[in-house]
Amino acid sequence: MKKILLSAALLAGCFTASAQFGIKGGFNFSNFRGNGDKGFNVLTSYPIGARYERYIAKSKYFEIQPERIYSRQGAKTDTQKFELGYFNVPIMLKIYPTDGFNIHFGPQFGMLINESRNFKAYDSQTFDFSLATGLEIFATDNIFLQARYVSGTKNVSGVTEIKNTVVQASVGVQF
């Protein structure tokens, strides 16, 4: 609960006149990695959510962007899908080397809110911490395309060593 309140406070503290809101959605290509990942393959799913972007110290080259995203992640085998639904809060530092293009990176905090029944045997962990990095291109002043890699640092299972890995491809609109 403290982590959710902290992320809400971070978002509330970011409100300024130079801010922009946006929504995004796309595709997740997720899998598990670690010593217990034998037999898992890429699961295709989706992220959907909102973002808030603002300049840092009125610099047009650096921005901070907290997001609130529902993300379906997991993996599959030849016979089963293991789906985990997370409420993720990435906080990205964005660097703009040119107008309309940025490189971003930062931490992502995830709270497991639902899971497929067959994953219960893995004793799922409710909190996930990841590191994320990506690229973003603005097709117009308001429409953007984004690619991101997210690497989990915590085991998602209490009985075997597996972590989330996700490649995201998103499109969105900024207001």
Protein backbone atom coordinates (compact mmCIF):
# COMPACT_ATOMS: atom_id res chain seq x y z
CA MET A 1 0.00 0.00 0.00
CA LYS A 2 2.89 2.34 0.79
CA LYS A 3 4.29 1.83 -2.71
CA ILE A 4 0.97 2.76 -4.33
CA LEU A 5 0.69 5.89 -2.16
CA LEU A 6 4.28 6.85 -2.98
CA SER A 7 3.69 6.53 -6.72
CA ALA A 8 0.47 8.56 -6.44
CA ALA A 9 2.38 11.28 -4.59
CA LEU A 10 5.09 11.27 -7.26
CA LEU A 11 2.47 11.71 -9.96
CA ALA A 12 0.66 14.46 -8.07
CA GLY A 13 3.91 16.33 -7.50
CA CYS A 14 4.60 16.49 -11.22
CA PHE A 15 1.70 18.76 -12.23
CA THR A 16 2.90 21.92 -14.01
CA ALA A 17 1.85 24.02 -16.98
CA SER A 18 4.43 22.31 -19.22
CA ALA A 19 2.86 18.88 -18.71
CA GLN A 20 1.18 16.66 -21.28
CA PHE A 21 -1.11 13.70 -20.75
CA GLY A 22 -1.41 10.75 -23.06
CA ILE A 23 -2.88 7.31 -23.55
CA LYS A 24 -1.25 4.30 -25.14
CA GLY A 25 -1.79 0.68 -26.00
CA GLY A 26 -0.06 -2.01 -27.97
CA PHE A 27 1.48 -5.45 -27.81
CA ASN A 28 3.54 -7.28 -25.21
CA PHE A 29 5.89 -10.09 -26.17
CA SER A 30 6.67 -11.57 -22.77
CA ASN A 31 8.46 -14.60 -21.41
CA PHE A 32 10.06 -15.89 -18.22
CA ARG A 33 13.83 -16.09 -17.77
CA GLY A 34 15.87 -17.73 -15.05
CA ASN A 35 16.90 -21.18 -13.85
CA GLY A 36 13.29 -22.40 -13.85
CA ASP A 37 12.38 -21.21 -17.37
CA LYS A 38 12.66 -24.55 -19.17
CA GLY A 39 9.93 -25.05 -21.73
CA PHE A 40 8.50 -21.51 -21.68
CA ASN A 41 7.92 -19.58 -24.90
CA VAL A 42 6.90 -16.03 -25.81
CA LEU A 43 3.34 -15.03 -24.94
CA THR A 44 1.74 -12.24 -26.99
CA SER A 45 -0.56 -9.98 -25.00
CA TYR A 46 -1.19 -6.27 -24.40
CA PRO A 47 -0.44 -3.19 -22.28
CA ILE A 48 -2.90 -0.30 -22.01
CA GLY A 49 -2.68 2.83 -19.93
CA ALA A 50 -2.04 6.50 -19.40
CA ARG A 51 1.05 8.64 -19.10
CA TYR A 52 2.03 12.05 -17.86
CA GLU A 53 5.05 13.88 -19.26
CA ARG A 54 6.74 17.04 -17.99
CA TYR A 55 9.99 18.88 -18.48
CA ILE A 56 12.66 18.67 -15.81
CA ALA A 57 13.79 22.16 -14.77
CA LYS A 58 12.25 23.65 -17.93
CA SER A 59 14.70 21.81 -20.18
CA LYS A 60 13.35 20.66 -23.52
CA TYR A 61 15.97 17.89 -23.61
CA PHE A 62 15.02 16.07 -20.41
CA GLU A 63 11.61 14.97 -19.21
CA ILE A 64 10.19 12.68 -16.60
CA GLN A 65 7.25 10.47 -17.47
CA PRO A 66 5.32 8.43 -14.91
CA GLU A 67 2.81 5.99 -16.37
CA ARG A 68 -0.05 3.87 -15.09
CA ILE A 69 -0.41 0.72 -17.16
CA TYR A 70 -2.40 -2.50 -17.03
CA SER A 71 -0.13 -5.11 -18.58
CA ARG A 72 -0.81 -8.77 -19.40
CA GLN A 73 2.47 -10.67 -19.14
CA GLY A 74 3.65 -14.23 -18.72
CA ALA A 75 4.69 -17.11 -20.93
CA LYS A 76 3.32 -20.22 -22.59
CA THR A 77 4.25 -23.81 -23.23
CA ASP A 78 3.02 -26.10 -26.00
CA THR A 79 -0.11 -26.86 -23.98
CA GLN A 80 -0.70 -23.96 -21.55
CA LYS A 81 -0.66 -20.18 -21.17
CA PHE A 82 0.56 -18.65 -17.91
CA GLU A 83 -0.90 -15.13 -17.81
CA LEU A 84 -0.18 -12.54 -15.14
CA GLY A 85 -2.03 -9.21 -15.01
CA TYR A 86 -0.02 -6.34 -13.51
CA PHE A 87 -0.77 -2.76 -12.58
CA ASN A 88 2.60 -1.26 -13.54
CA VAL A 89 4.00 2.14 -12.67
CA PRO A 90 7.07 2.90 -14.80
CA ILE A 91 8.84 6.20 -14.12
CA MET A 92 10.87 7.02 -17.21
CA LEU A 93 13.61 9.60 -17.61
CA LYS A 94 13.41 10.75 -21.24
CA ILE A 95 16.32 12.25 -23.15
CA TYR A 96 15.50 14.11 -26.38
CA PRO A 97 18.59 14.28 -28.63
CA THR A 98 16.34 15.77 -31.35
CA ASP A 99 12.75 16.99 -31.62
CA GLY A 100 10.32 14.13 -32.00
CA PHE A 101 12.69 11.37 -30.82
CA ASN A 102 13.68 10.23 -27.34
CA ILE A 103 15.53 7.52 -25.48
CA HIS A 104 14.06 6.63 -22.11
CA PHE A 105 14.91 4.45 -19.14
CA GLY A 106 13.92 3.96 -15.52
CA PRO A 107 12.39 1.71 -12.88
CA GLN A 108 9.02 0.01 -13.12
CA PHE A 109 7.00 -1.04 -10.09
CA GLY A 110 4.41 -3.76 -10.64
CA MET A 111 1.57 -5.09 -8.51
CA LEU A 112 0.06 -8.44 -9.54
CA ILE A 113 -3.72 -8.04 -9.67
CA ASN A 114 -4.77 -11.26 -11.42
CA GLU A 115 -3.31 -14.50 -12.76
CA SER A 116 -4.38 -17.52 -14.75
CA ARG A 117 -5.48 -20.47 -12.60
CA ASN A 118 -2.66 -22.71 -13.76
CA PHE A 119 -0.02 -20.27 -12.39
CA LYS A 120 -1.25 -20.65 -8.79
CA ALA A 121 0.95 -23.77 -8.42
CA TYR A 122 3.97 -21.47 -8.92
CA ASP A 123 3.10 -19.49 -5.75
CA SER A 124 3.00 -16.10 -7.48
CA GLN A 125 4.65 -13.07 -5.90
CA THR A 126 2.51 -9.93 -5.69
CA PHE A 127 5.24 -7.30 -6.26
CA ASP A 128 7.51 -7.04 -9.30
CA PHE A 129 10.36 -4.58 -9.77
CA SER A 130 11.81 -4.12 -13.24
CA LEU A 131 14.21 -1.94 -15.19
CA ALA A 132 12.96 -0.55 -18.49
CA THR A 133 14.55 1.14 -21.50
CA GLY A 134 13.18 2.18 -24.85
CA LEU A 135 12.85 4.48 -27.82
CA GLU A 136 10.01 6.75 -28.86
CA ILE A 137 9.29 8.54 -32.13
CA PHE A 138 6.57 11.14 -32.67
CA ALA A 139 4.85 10.60 -36.03
CA THR A 140 2.98 13.91 -35.54
CA ASP A 141 2.88 16.43 -32.69
CA ASN A 142 0.43 14.18 -30.84
CA ILE A 143 0.85 10.60 -32.13
CA PHE A 144 3.81 8.55 -30.96
CA LEU A 145 5.27 5.09 -31.56
CA GLN A 146 7.18 3.44 -28.75
CA ALA A 147 9.34 0.34 -28.28
CA ARG A 148 10.47 -0.73 -24.83
CA TYR A 149 12.32 -3.60 -23.16
CA VAL A 150 11.42 -4.43 -19.55
CA SER A 151 13.60 -6.78 -17.50
CA GLY A 152 12.29 -8.06 -14.17
CA THR A 153 14.67 -8.15 -11.22
CA LYS A 154 12.45 -10.13 -8.81
CA ASN A 155 11.23 -13.70 -9.07
CA VAL A 156 7.55 -13.93 -10.01
CA SER A 157 7.34 -17.38 -8.43
CA GLY A 158 7.92 -18.51 -4.86
CA VAL A 159 8.89 -22.05 -5.93
CA THR A 160 11.19 -21.56 -8.93
CA GLU A 161 13.56 -18.88 -10.15
CA ILE A 162 11.80 -17.08 -13.02
CA LYS A 163 11.57 -13.37 -13.78
CA ASN A 164 9.49 -11.37 -16.25
CA THR A 165 10.94 -10.13 -19.52
CA VAL A 166 8.78 -8.04 -21.85
CA VAL A 167 9.25 -6.35 -25.20
CA GLN A 168 6.52 -3.75 -25.74
CA ALA A 169 5.44 -2.09 -28.97
CA SER A 170 2.94 0.73 -28.38
CA VAL A 171 1.16 3.53 -30.17
CA GLY A 172 -0.41 6.45 -28.38
CA VAL A 173 -1.86 9.93 -28.40
CA GLN A 174 -0.61 12.84 -26.33
CA PHE A 175 -2.89 15.77 -25.44
